Amino acid sequence: MADALDVWLRVSDDEAHDDFEPLPDGKYPAEANTYRTKTGYRVDWYLTAVGLVTSVEFDTLTEARRFLESEGFADYSS
């Protein structure tokens, strides 16, 4: 399994929500990671309560990051 290039978190399903603080139990309801593939990049994102929701392929890392931002995720990579 490939290592994730980054870590993105989303607090709520409200994509306009700008408050990226953890929920009271310290967890985030959604997490996403970007992976390098042979032909570009793949974003996998998960609802922490249920697991993998979707996997989306992109040609460039910039496209992948734009997608994540449009879905209400914030980059929490260190």
Protein backbone atom coordinates (compact mmCIF):
# COMPACT_ATOMS: atom_id res chain seq x y z
CA MET A 1 0.00 0.00 0.00
CA ALA A 2 1.34 3.43 -0.91
CA ASP A 3 1.92 6.13 1.68
CA ALA A 4 -0.48 9.07 1.67
CA LEU A 5 0.98 12.35 0.43
CA ASP A 6 -1.23 14.42 2.72
CA VAL A 7 -4.05 14.43 5.27
CA TRP A 8 -7.25 16.44 4.81
CA LEU A 9 -10.01 16.76 7.41
CA ARG A 10 -13.61 17.96 7.30
CA VAL A 11 -15.66 18.63 10.40
CA SER A 12 -19.17 18.51 9.00
CA ASP A 13 -21.09 17.66 5.87
CA ASP A 14 -21.80 21.37 5.39
CA GLU A 15 -19.27 22.23 2.66
CA ALA A 16 -19.46 25.93 3.54
CA HIS A 17 -18.45 25.19 7.14
CA ASP A 18 -15.22 27.04 7.91
CA ASP A 19 -14.71 25.86 11.51
CA PHE A 20 -12.30 22.94 11.26
CA GLU A 21 -12.23 22.11 14.97
CA PRO A 22 -12.59 18.48 16.06
CA LEU A 23 -15.89 17.21 17.41
CA PRO A 24 -16.16 16.82 21.21
CA ASP A 25 -14.77 13.27 21.05
CA GLY A 26 -11.67 14.56 19.21
CA LYS A 27 -12.59 12.97 15.89
CA TYR A 28 -13.40 14.46 12.54
CA PRO A 29 -16.43 13.18 10.59
CA ALA A 30 -14.49 12.98 7.31
CA GLU A 31 -10.87 12.37 6.32
CA ALA A 32 -9.18 12.31 2.92
CA ASN A 33 -5.77 11.35 1.62
CA THR A 34 -4.01 11.84 -1.71
CA TYR A 35 -1.90 9.06 -3.24
CA ARG A 36 0.44 9.01 -6.23
CA THR A 37 -0.62 6.53 -8.92
CA LYS A 38 1.14 5.36 -12.09
CA THR A 39 -0.85 7.86 -14.15
CA GLY A 40 -1.44 10.75 -11.71
CA TYR A 41 -3.09 11.06 -8.31
CA ARG A 42 -5.95 9.47 -6.42
CA VAL A 43 -7.99 10.96 -3.58
CA ASP A 44 -9.64 8.54 -1.17
CA TRP A 45 -12.03 10.04 1.33
CA TYR A 46 -13.86 8.47 4.21
CA LEU A 47 -16.66 9.17 6.62
CA THR A 48 -15.08 8.14 9.89
CA ALA A 49 -18.33 6.47 11.00
CA VAL A 50 -18.66 4.22 7.93
CA GLY A 51 -15.35 4.00 6.05
CA LEU A 52 -14.42 4.65 2.42
CA VAL A 53 -16.93 6.82 0.59
CA THR A 54 -15.23 7.48 -2.71
CA SER A 55 -12.02 7.31 -4.66
CA VAL A 56 -11.40 9.88 -7.41
CA GLU A 57 -8.54 9.98 -9.96
CA PHE A 58 -6.82 13.19 -11.11
CA ASP A 59 -4.07 14.01 -13.60
CA THR A 60 -2.35 16.52 -11.33
CA LEU A 61 -1.88 17.14 -7.62
CA THR A 62 -3.30 20.64 -8.09
CA GLU A 63 -6.56 19.19 -9.44
CA ALA A 64 -6.75 16.80 -6.49
CA ARG A 65 -6.26 19.64 -4.00
CA ARG A 66 -8.87 21.81 -5.72
CA PHE A 67 -11.34 18.93 -5.48
CA LEU A 68 -10.67 18.49 -1.76
CA GLU A 69 -11.08 22.20 -1.08
CA SER A 70 -14.34 22.26 -3.06
CA GLU A 71 -15.60 19.37 -0.91
CA GLY A 72 -14.98 21.35 2.29
CA PHE A 73 -11.73 19.69 3.39
CA ALA A 74 -8.78 21.54 4.93
CA ASP A 75 -5.17 20.39 4.59
CA TYR A 76 -3.87 19.15 7.96
CA SER A 77 -0.61 17.73 6.64
CA SER A 78 2.39 18.48 8.78
